[in-house]
């Protein structure tokens, strides 16, 4: 009788552990998909500088608030800073 109870408890704990791992993975994948929707790195106003990430909306840059940003402008070149320096000379 004790063996059956121990076996049942062991299997119950194993199933609960696996269910918990599955839920954590699902939530992690959802969060990753959400974070990949942040458009900042492809925006013209993104500076890639930790002091000022965005020249238009610096407080919401690279956060979930930036999803659907009304000021988003697609980058026109791979290195805007290089083009600006080269055009001055």
PDB file of N, CA and C in Angstrom:
ATOM      1  N   UNK A   1       0.814  -1.191   0.000  1.00  0.00           N
ATOM      2  CA  UNK A   1       0.000   0.000   0.000  1.00  0.00           C
ATOM      3  C   UNK A   1       0.865   1.265   0.000  1.00  0.00           C
ATOM      4  N   UNK A   2       1.929   1.275   0.831  1.00  0.00           N
ATOM      5  CA  UNK A   2       2.823   2.428   0.900  1.00  0.00           C
ATOM      6  C   UNK A   2       3.558   2.649  -0.416  1.00  0.00           C
ATOM      7  N   UNK A   3       3.871   1.549  -1.105  1.00  0.00           N
ATOM      8  CA  UNK A   3       4.578   1.657  -2.385  1.00  0.00           C
ATOM      9  C   UNK A   3       3.678   2.341  -3.409  1.00  0.00           C
ATOM     10  N   UNK A   4       2.414   2.013  -3.417  1.00  0.00           N
ATOM     11  CA  UNK A   4       1.478   2.613  -4.366  1.00  0.00           C
ATOM     12  C   UNK A   4       1.317   4.111  -4.098  1.00  0.00           C
ATOM     13  N   UNK A   5       1.265   4.490  -2.851  1.00  0.00           N
ATOM     14  CA  UNK A   5       1.126   5.911  -2.502  1.00  0.00           C
ATOM     15  C   UNK A   5       2.379   6.678  -2.903  1.00  0.00           C
ATOM     16  N   UNK A   6       3.552   6.109  -2.630  1.00  0.00           N
ATOM     17  CA  UNK A   6       4.807   6.761  -3.004  1.00  0.00           C
ATOM     18  C   UNK A   6       4.928   6.877  -4.526  1.00  0.00           C
ATOM     19  N   UNK A   7       4.549   5.848  -5.244  1.00  0.00           N
ATOM     20  CA  UNK A   7       4.597   5.860  -6.697  1.00  0.00           C
ATOM     21  C   UNK A   7       3.650   6.928  -7.252  1.00  0.00           C
ATOM     22  N   UNK A   8       2.451   6.992  -6.695  1.00  0.00           N
ATOM     23  CA  UNK A   8       1.478   8.000  -7.123  1.00  0.00           C
ATOM     24  C   UNK A   8       1.996   9.416  -6.852  1.00  0.00           C
ATOM     25  N   UNK A   9       2.551   9.653  -5.682  1.00  0.00           N
ATOM     26  CA  UNK A   9       3.085  10.972  -5.340  1.00  0.00           C
ATOM     27  C   UNK A   9       4.255  11.346  -6.246  1.00  0.00           C
ATOM     28  N   UNK A  10       5.113  10.392  -6.525  1.00  0.00           N
ATOM     29  CA  UNK A  10       6.264  10.645  -7.402  1.00  0.00           C
ATOM     30  C   UNK A  10       5.798  11.040  -8.796  1.00  0.00           C
ATOM     31  N   UNK A  11       4.858  10.285  -9.364  1.00  0.00           N
ATOM     32  CA  UNK A  11       4.354  10.591 -10.704  1.00  0.00           C
ATOM     33  C   UNK A  11       3.608  11.919 -10.731  1.00  0.00           C
ATOM     34  N   UNK A  12       2.889  12.221  -9.663  1.00  0.00           N
ATOM     35  CA  UNK A  12       2.179  13.499  -9.589  1.00  0.00           C
ATOM     36  C   UNK A  12       3.160  14.664  -9.578  1.00  0.00           C
ATOM     37  N   UNK A  13       4.214  14.550  -8.773  1.00  0.00           N
ATOM     38  CA  UNK A  13       5.225  15.604  -8.726  1.00  0.00           C
ATOM     39  C   UNK A  13       5.948  15.740 -10.059  1.00  0.00           C
ATOM     40  N   UNK A  14       6.226  14.639 -10.723  1.00  0.00           N
ATOM     41  CA  UNK A  14       6.887  14.669 -12.019  1.00  0.00           C
ATOM     42  C   UNK A  14       6.012  15.357 -13.070  1.00  0.00           C
ATOM     43  N   UNK A  15       4.738  15.023 -13.085  1.00  0.00           N
ATOM     44  CA  UNK A  15       3.816  15.644 -14.037  1.00  0.00           C
ATOM     45  C   UNK A  15       3.682  17.139 -13.749  1.00  0.00           C
ATOM     46  N   UNK A  16       3.572  17.527 -12.496  1.00  0.00           N
ATOM     47  CA  UNK A  16       3.479  18.940 -12.143  1.00  0.00           C
ATOM     48  C   UNK A  16       4.752  19.695 -12.525  1.00  0.00           C
ATOM     49  N   UNK A  17       5.910  19.080 -12.331  1.00  0.00           N
ATOM     50  CA  UNK A  17       7.175  19.703 -12.709  1.00  0.00           C
ATOM     51  C   UNK A  17       7.254  19.902 -14.217  1.00  0.00           C
ATOM     52  N   UNK A  18       6.906  18.875 -14.983  1.00  0.00           N
ATOM     53  CA  UNK A  18       6.942  18.986 -16.441  1.00  0.00           C
ATOM     54  C   UNK A  18       5.933  20.021 -16.947  1.00  0.00           C
ATOM     55  N   UNK A  19       4.772  20.095 -16.339  1.00  0.00           N
ATOM     56  CA  UNK A  19       3.784  21.089 -16.713  1.00  0.00           C
ATOM     57  C   UNK A  19       4.305  22.502 -16.422  1.00  0.00           C
ATOM     58  N   UNK A  20       4.978  22.667 -15.299  1.00  0.00           N
ATOM     59  CA  UNK A  20       5.548  23.962 -14.938  1.00  0.00           C
ATOM     60  C   UNK A  20       6.635  24.377 -15.932  1.00  0.00           C
ATOM     61  N   UNK A  21       7.484  23.451 -16.326  1.00  0.00           N
ATOM     62  CA  UNK A  21       8.525  23.742 -17.319  1.00  0.00           C
ATOM     63  C   UNK A  21       7.888  24.126 -18.640  1.00  0.00           C
ATOM     64  N   UNK A  22       6.844  23.400 -19.059  1.00  0.00           N
ATOM     65  CA  UNK A  22       6.154  23.694 -20.303  1.00  0.00           C
ATOM     66  C   UNK A  22       5.555  25.103 -20.273  1.00  0.00           C
ATOM     67  N   UNK A  23       4.925  25.477 -19.180  1.00  0.00           N
ATOM     68  CA  UNK A  23       4.336  26.810 -19.051  1.00  0.00           C
ATOM     69  C   UNK A  23       5.416  27.894 -19.110  1.00  0.00           C
ATOM     70  N   UNK A  24       6.554  27.669 -18.465  1.00  0.00           N
ATOM     71  CA  UNK A  24       7.641  28.646 -18.485  1.00  0.00           C
ATOM     72  C   UNK A  24       8.187  28.814 -19.898  1.00  0.00           C
ATOM     73  N   UNK A  25       8.319  27.730 -20.634  1.00  0.00           N
ATOM     74  CA  UNK A  25       8.790  27.806 -22.019  1.00  0.00           C
ATOM     75  C   UNK A  25       7.799  28.570 -22.896  1.00  0.00           C
ATOM     76  N   UNK A  26       6.520  28.301 -22.737  1.00  0.00           N
ATOM     77  CA  UNK A  26       5.505  29.007 -23.527  1.00  0.00           C
ATOM     78  C   UNK A  26       5.529  30.504 -23.246  1.00  0.00           C
ATOM     79  N   UNK A  27       5.631  30.885 -21.978  1.00  0.00           N
ATOM     80  CA  UNK A  27       5.681  32.297 -21.625  1.00  0.00           C
ATOM     81  C   UNK A  27       6.958  32.948 -22.148  1.00  0.00           C
ATOM     82  N   UNK A  28       8.070  32.233 -22.092  1.00  0.00           N
ATOM     83  CA  UNK A  28       9.339  32.754 -22.604  1.00  0.00           C
ATOM     84  C   UNK A  28       9.288  32.977 -24.102  1.00  0.00           C
ATOM     85  N   UNK A  29       8.711  32.043 -24.837  1.00  0.00           N
ATOM     86  CA  UNK A  29       8.591  32.187 -26.288  1.00  0.00           C
ATOM     87  C   UNK A  29       7.670  33.359 -26.625  1.00  0.00           C
ATOM     88  N   UNK A  30       6.588  33.504 -25.893  1.00  0.00           N
ATOM     89  CA  UNK A  30       5.684  34.640 -26.115  1.00  0.00           C
ATOM     90  C   UNK A  30       6.410  35.960 -25.889  1.00  0.00           C
ATOM     91  N   UNK A  31       7.189  36.037 -24.820  1.00  0.00           N
ATOM     92  CA  UNK A  31       7.921  37.266 -24.510  1.00  0.00           C
ATOM     93  C   UNK A  31       8.966  37.562 -25.584  1.00  0.00           C
ATOM     94  N   UNK A  32       9.662  36.541 -26.062  1.00  0.00           N
ATOM     95  CA  UNK A  32      10.645  36.745 -27.132  1.00  0.00           C
ATOM     96  C   UNK A  32       9.996  37.255 -28.410  1.00  0.00           C
ATOM     97  N   UNK A  33       8.863  36.689 -28.766  1.00  0.00           N
ATOM     98  CA  UNK A  33       8.147  37.160 -29.960  1.00  0.00           C
ATOM     99  C   UNK A  33       7.724  38.609 -29.801  1.00  0.00           C
ATOM    100  N   UNK A  34       7.295  38.960 -28.628  1.00  0.00           N
ATOM    101  CA  UNK A  34       6.878  40.341 -28.367  1.00  0.00           C
ATOM    102  C   UNK A  34       8.067  41.291 -28.472  1.00  0.00           C
ATOM    103  N   UNK A  35       9.207  40.918 -27.926  1.00  0.00           N
ATOM    104  CA  UNK A  35      10.380  41.775 -27.962  1.00  0.00           C
ATOM    105  C   UNK A  35      10.941  41.919 -29.374  1.00  0.00           C
ATOM    106  N   UNK A  36      10.759  40.907 -30.213  1.00  0.00           N
ATOM    107  CA  UNK A  36      11.227  41.001 -31.595  1.00  0.00           C
ATOM    108  C   UNK A  36      10.357  41.933 -32.436  1.00  0.00           C
ATOM    109  N   UNK A  37       9.255  42.409 -31.908  1.00  0.00           N
ATOM    110  CA  UNK A  37       8.407  43.362 -32.613  1.00  0.00           C
ATOM    111  C   UNK A  37       8.856  44.806 -32.408  1.00  0.00           C
ATOM    112  N   UNK A  38       9.828  45.030 -31.530  1.00  0.00           N
ATOM    113  CA  UNK A  38      10.330  46.378 -31.276  1.00  0.00           C
ATOM    114  C   UNK A  38      11.123  46.832 -32.497  1.00  0.00           C
ATOM    115  N   UNK A  39      10.697  47.918 -33.153  1.00  0.00           N
ATOM    116  CA  UNK A  39      11.302  48.305 -34.426  1.00  0.00           C
ATOM    117  C   UNK A  39      12.503  49.246 -34.316  1.00  0.00           C
ATOM    118  N   UNK A  40      12.957  49.556 -33.144  1.00  0.00           N
ATOM    119  CA  UNK A  40      13.948  50.620 -32.961  1.00  0.00           C
ATOM    120  C   UNK A  40      15.232  50.437 -33.773  1.00  0.00           C
ATOM    121  N   UNK A  41      15.773  49.257 -33.841  1.00  0.00           N
ATOM    122  CA  UNK A  41      17.050  49.068 -34.522  1.00  0.00           C
ATOM    123  C   UNK A  41      16.949  49.310 -36.027  1.00  0.00           C
ATOM    124  N   UNK A  42      15.747  49.282 -36.585  1.00  0.00           N
ATOM    125  CA  UNK A  42      15.555  49.530 -38.013  1.00  0.00           C
ATOM    126  C   UNK A  42      15.055  50.946 -38.299  1.00  0.00           C
ATOM    127  N   UNK A  43      15.089  51.814 -37.306  1.00  0.00           N
ATOM    128  CA  UNK A  43      14.542  53.160 -37.450  1.00  0.00           C
ATOM    129  C   UNK A  43      15.638  54.174 -37.785  1.00  0.00           C
ATOM    130  N   UNK A  44      15.269  55.180 -38.536  1.00  0.00           N
ATOM    131  CA  UNK A  44      16.189  56.251 -38.933  1.00  0.00           C
ATOM    132  C   UNK A  44      16.663  57.052 -37.719  1.00  0.00           C
ATOM    133  N   UNK A  45      15.843  57.181 -36.696  1.00  0.00           N
ATOM    134  CA  UNK A  45      16.171  58.001 -35.540  1.00  0.00           C
ATOM    135  C   UNK A  45      16.937  57.243 -34.457  1.00  0.00           C
ATOM    136  N   UNK A  46      17.177  55.957 -34.654  1.00  0.00           N
ATOM    137  CA  UNK A  46      17.903  55.141 -33.670  1.00  0.00           C
ATOM    138  C   UNK A  46      19.388  55.437 -33.787  1.00  0.00           C
ATOM    139  N   UNK A  47      20.040  55.788 -32.671  1.00  0.00           N
ATOM    140  CA  UNK A  47      21.447  56.192 -32.701  1.00  0.00           C
ATOM    141  C   UNK A  47      22.404  55.069 -32.350  1.00  0.00           C
ATOM    142  N   UNK A  48      21.930  54.001 -31.738  1.00  0.00           N
ATOM    143  CA  UNK A  48      22.770  52.886 -31.284  1.00  0.00           C
ATOM    144  C   UNK A  48      23.802  53.352 -30.256  1.00  0.00           C
ATOM    145  N   UNK A  49      23.454  54.363 -29.499  1.00  0.00           N
ATOM    146  CA  UNK A  49      24.292  54.880 -28.430  1.00  0.00           C
ATOM    147  C   UNK A  49      23.524  54.710 -27.124  1.00  0.00           C
ATOM    148  N   UNK A  50      24.158  54.165 -26.109  1.00  0.00           N
ATOM    149  CA  UNK A  50      23.443  53.873 -24.873  1.00  0.00           C
ATOM    150  C   UNK A  50      22.999  55.144 -24.151  1.00  0.00           C
ATOM    151  N   UNK A  51      23.623  56.281 -24.439  1.00  0.00           N
ATOM    152  CA  UNK A  51      23.246  57.526 -23.767  1.00  0.00           C
ATOM    153  C   UNK A  51      21.988  58.146 -24.362  1.00  0.00           C
ATOM    154  N   UNK A  52      21.829  58.031 -25.678  1.00  0.00           N
ATOM    155  CA  UNK A  52      20.643  58.560 -26.353  1.00  0.00           C
ATOM    156  C   UNK A  52      20.281  57.573 -27.458  1.00  0.00           C
ATOM    157  N   UNK A  53      19.373  56.661 -27.148  1.00  0.00           N
ATOM    158  CA  UNK A  53      19.028  55.607 -28.102  1.00  0.00           C
ATOM    159  C   UNK A  53      18.206  56.133 -29.264  1.00  0.00           C
ATOM    160  N   UNK A  54      17.313  57.066 -28.988  1.00  0.00           N
ATOM    161  CA  UNK A  54      16.440  57.604 -30.023  1.00  0.00           C
ATOM    162  C   UNK A  54      16.390  59.117 -29.877  1.00  0.00           C
ATOM    163  N   UNK A  55      16.496  59.823 -30.996  1.00  0.00           N
ATOM    164  CA  UNK A  55      16.485  61.274 -30.929  1.00  0.00           C
ATOM    165  C   UNK A  55      15.081  61.846 -30.804  1.00  0.00           C
ATOM    166  N   UNK A  56      14.058  61.052 -31.127  1.00  0.00           N
ATOM    167  CA  UNK A  56      12.680  61.543 -31.067  1.00  0.00           C
ATOM    168  C   UNK A  56      11.996  61.124 -29.773  1.00  0.00           C
ATOM    169  N   UNK A  57      12.085  59.858 -29.422  1.00  0.00           N
ATOM    170  CA  UNK A  57      11.448  59.333 -28.207  1.00  0.00           C
ATOM    171  C   UNK A  57      12.485  58.582 -27.362  1.00  0.00           C
ATOM    172  N   UNK A  58      13.331  59.300 -26.639  1.00  0.00           N
ATOM    173  CA  UNK A  58      14.426  58.633 -25.916  1.00  0.00           C
ATOM    174  C   UNK A  58      13.980  57.763 -24.745  1.00  0.00           C
ATOM    175  N   UNK A  59      12.838  58.059 -24.136  1.00  0.00           N
ATOM    176  CA  UNK A  59      12.431  57.301 -22.958  1.00  0.00           C
ATOM    177  C   UNK A  59      11.741  55.984 -23.309  1.00  0.00           C
ATOM    178  N   UNK A  60      11.153  55.888 -24.489  1.00  0.00           N
ATOM    179  CA  UNK A  60      10.478  54.651 -24.867  1.00  0.00           C
ATOM    180  C   UNK A  60      11.274  53.822 -25.860  1.00  0.00           C
ATOM    181  N   UNK A  61      12.453  54.281 -26.246  1.00  0.00           N
ATOM    182  CA  UNK A  61      13.271  53.546 -27.213  1.00  0.00           C
ATOM    183  C   UNK A  61      13.714  52.201 -26.643  1.00  0.00           C
ATOM    184  N   UNK A  62      13.630  51.183 -27.462  1.00  0.00           N
ATOM    185  CA  UNK A  62      14.047  49.813 -27.128  1.00  0.00           C
ATOM    186  C   UNK A  62      13.223  49.207 -25.989  1.00  0.00           C
ATOM    187  N   UNK A  63      12.012  49.679 -25.786  1.00  0.00           N
ATOM    188  CA  UNK A  63      11.111  49.088 -24.801  1.00  0.00           C
ATOM    189  C   UNK A  63       9.851  48.633 -25.522  1.00  0.00           C
ATOM    190  N   UNK A  64       8.970  47.965 -24.808  1.00  0.00           N
ATOM    191  CA  UNK A  64       7.717  47.511 -25.409  1.00  0.00           C
ATOM    192  C   UNK A  64       6.826  48.685 -25.813  1.00  0.00           C
ATOM    193  N   UNK A  65       7.037  49.849 -25.223  1.00  0.00           N
ATOM    194  CA  UNK A  65       6.273  51.034 -25.608  1.00  0.00           C
ATOM    195  C   UNK A  65       6.565  51.446 -27.045  1.00  0.00           C
ATOM    196  N   UNK A  66       7.709  51.052 -27.576  1.00  0.00           N
ATOM    197  CA  UNK A  66       8.106  51.444 -28.930  1.00  0.00           C
ATOM    198  C   UNK A  66       7.389  50.644 -30.015  1.00  0.00           C
ATOM    199  N   UNK A  67       6.708  49.577 -29.638  1.00  0.00           N
ATOM    200  CA  UNK A  67       5.959  48.798 -30.629  1.00  0.00           C
ATOM    201  C   UNK A  67       4.823  49.670 -31.142  1.00  0.00           C
ATOM    202  N   UNK A  68       4.771  49.858 -32.435  1.00  0.00           N
ATOM    203  CA  UNK A  68       3.747  50.709 -33.028  1.00  0.00           C
ATOM    204  C   UNK A  68       4.070  52.191 -32.917  1.00  0.00           C
ATOM    205  N   UNK A  69       5.329  52.557 -32.821  1.00  0.00           N
ATOM    206  CA  UNK A  69       5.752  53.953 -32.683  1.00  0.00           C
ATOM    207  C   UNK A  69       5.277  54.766 -33.887  1.00  0.00           C
ATOM    208  N   UNK A  70       4.644  55.887 -33.628  1.00  0.00           N
ATOM    209  CA  UNK A  70       4.113  56.719 -34.714  1.00  0.00           C
ATOM    210  C   UNK A  70       5.215  57.493 -35.438  1.00  0.00           C
ATOM    211  N   UNK A  71       6.401  57.609 -34.845  1.00  0.00           N
ATOM    212  CA  UNK A  71       7.504  58.337 -35.459  1.00  0.00           C
ATOM    213  C   UNK A  71       8.496  57.421 -36.178  1.00  0.00           C
ATOM    214  N   UNK A  72       8.161  56.156 -36.332  1.00  0.00           N
ATOM    215  CA  UNK A  72       9.074  55.210 -36.968  1.00  0.00           C
ATOM    216  C   UNK A  72       9.300  55.570 -38.435  1.00  0.00           C
ATOM    217  N   UNK A  73      10.568  55.655 -38.810  1.00  0.00           N
ATOM    218  CA  UNK A  73      10.967  55.876 -40.202  1.00  0.00           C
ATOM    219  C   UNK A  73      12.002  54.809 -40.551  1.00  0.00           C
ATOM    220  N   UNK A  74      11.768  54.036 -41.593  1.00  0.00           N
ATOM    221  CA  UNK A  74      12.748  52.995 -41.954  1.00  0.00           C
ATOM    222  C   UNK A  74      14.093  53.612 -42.318  1.00  0.00           C
ATOM    223  N   UNK A  75      15.165  52.902 -41.986  1.00  0.00           N
ATOM    224  CA  UNK A  75      16.500  53.374 -42.320  1.00  0.00           C
ATOM    225  C   UNK A  75      16.662  53.450 -43.827  1.00  0.00           C
ATOM    226  N   UNK A  76      17.347  54.485 -44.278  1.00  0.00           N
ATOM    227  CA  UNK A  76      17.587  54.635 -45.710  1.00  0.00           C
ATOM    228  C   UNK A  76      18.952  54.128 -46.115  1.00  0.00           C
ATOM    229  N   UNK A  77      19.855  53.954 -45.142  1.00  0.00           N
ATOM    230  CA  UNK A  77      21.180  53.420 -45.434  1.00  0.00           C
ATOM    231  C   UNK A  77      21.668  52.618 -44.240  1.00  0.00           C
ATOM    232  N   UNK A  78      22.753  51.918 -44.420  1.00  0.00           N
ATOM    233  CA  UNK A  78      23.261  51.087 -43.330  1.00  0.00           C
ATOM    234  C   UNK A  78      24.038  51.899 -42.310  1.00  0.00           C
ATOM    235  N   UNK A  79      24.554  53.055 -42.701  1.00  0.00           N
ATOM    236  CA  UNK A  79      25.345  53.870 -41.773  1.00  0.00           C
ATOM    237  C   UNK A  79      25.079  55.344 -42.042  1.00  0.00           C
ATOM    238  N   UNK A  80      24.101  55.896 -41.398  1.00  0.00           N
ATOM    239  CA  UNK A  80      23.750  57.301 -41.594  1.00  0.00           C
ATOM    240  C   UNK A  80      24.858  58.234 -41.118  1.00  0.00           C
ATOM    241  N   UNK A  81      25.487  57.903 -40.016  1.00  0.00           N
ATOM    242  CA  UNK A  81      26.544  58.762 -39.482  1.00  0.00           C
ATOM    243  C   UNK A  81      27.715  58.846 -40.456  1.00  0.00           C
ATOM    244  N   UNK A  82      28.051  57.733 -41.092  1.00  0.00           N
ATOM    245  CA  UNK A  82      29.154  57.735 -42.061  1.00  0.00           C
ATOM    246  C   UNK A  82      28.814  58.621 -43.249  1.00  0.00           C
ATOM    247  N   UNK A  83      27.587  58.552 -43.724  1.00  0.00           N
ATOM    248  CA  UNK A  83      27.192  59.366 -44.870  1.00  0.00           C
ATOM    249  C   UNK A  83      27.203  60.846 -44.518  1.00  0.00           C
ATOM    250  N   UNK A  84      26.788  61.195 -43.331  1.00  0.00           N
ATOM    251  CA  UNK A  84      26.773  62.602 -42.936  1.00  0.00           C
ATOM    252  C   UNK A  84      28.186  63.146 -42.834  1.00  0.00           C
ATOM    253  N   UNK A  85      29.132  62.362 -42.313  1.00  0.00           N
ATOM    254  CA  UNK A  85      30.516  62.799 -42.223  1.00  0.00           C
ATOM    255  C   UNK A  85      31.135  62.932 -43.604  1.00  0.00           C
ATOM    256  N   UNK A  86      30.840  62.013 -44.496  1.00  0.00           N
ATOM    257  CA  UNK A  86      31.429  62.031 -45.826  1.00  0.00           C
ATOM    258  C   UNK A  86      30.883  63.176 -46.666  1.00  0.00           C
ATOM    259  N   UNK A  87      29.633  63.543 -46.458  1.00  0.00           N
ATOM    260  CA  UNK A  87      29.040  64.607 -47.274  1.00  0.00           C
ATOM    261  C   UNK A  87      29.555  65.984 -46.862  1.00  0.00           C
ATOM    262  N   UNK A  88      30.092  66.138 -45.667  1.00  0.00           N
ATOM    263  CA  UNK A  88      30.594  67.433 -45.218  1.00  0.00           C
ATOM    264  C   UNK A  88      31.931  67.775 -45.876  1.00  0.00           C
ATOM    265  N   UNK A  89      32.681  66.778 -46.247  1.00  0.00           N
ATOM    266  CA  UNK A  89      34.017  67.017 -46.807  1.00  0.00           C
ATOM    267  C   UNK A  89      33.996  67.150 -48.278  1.00  0.00           C
TER     268      UNK A  89
END
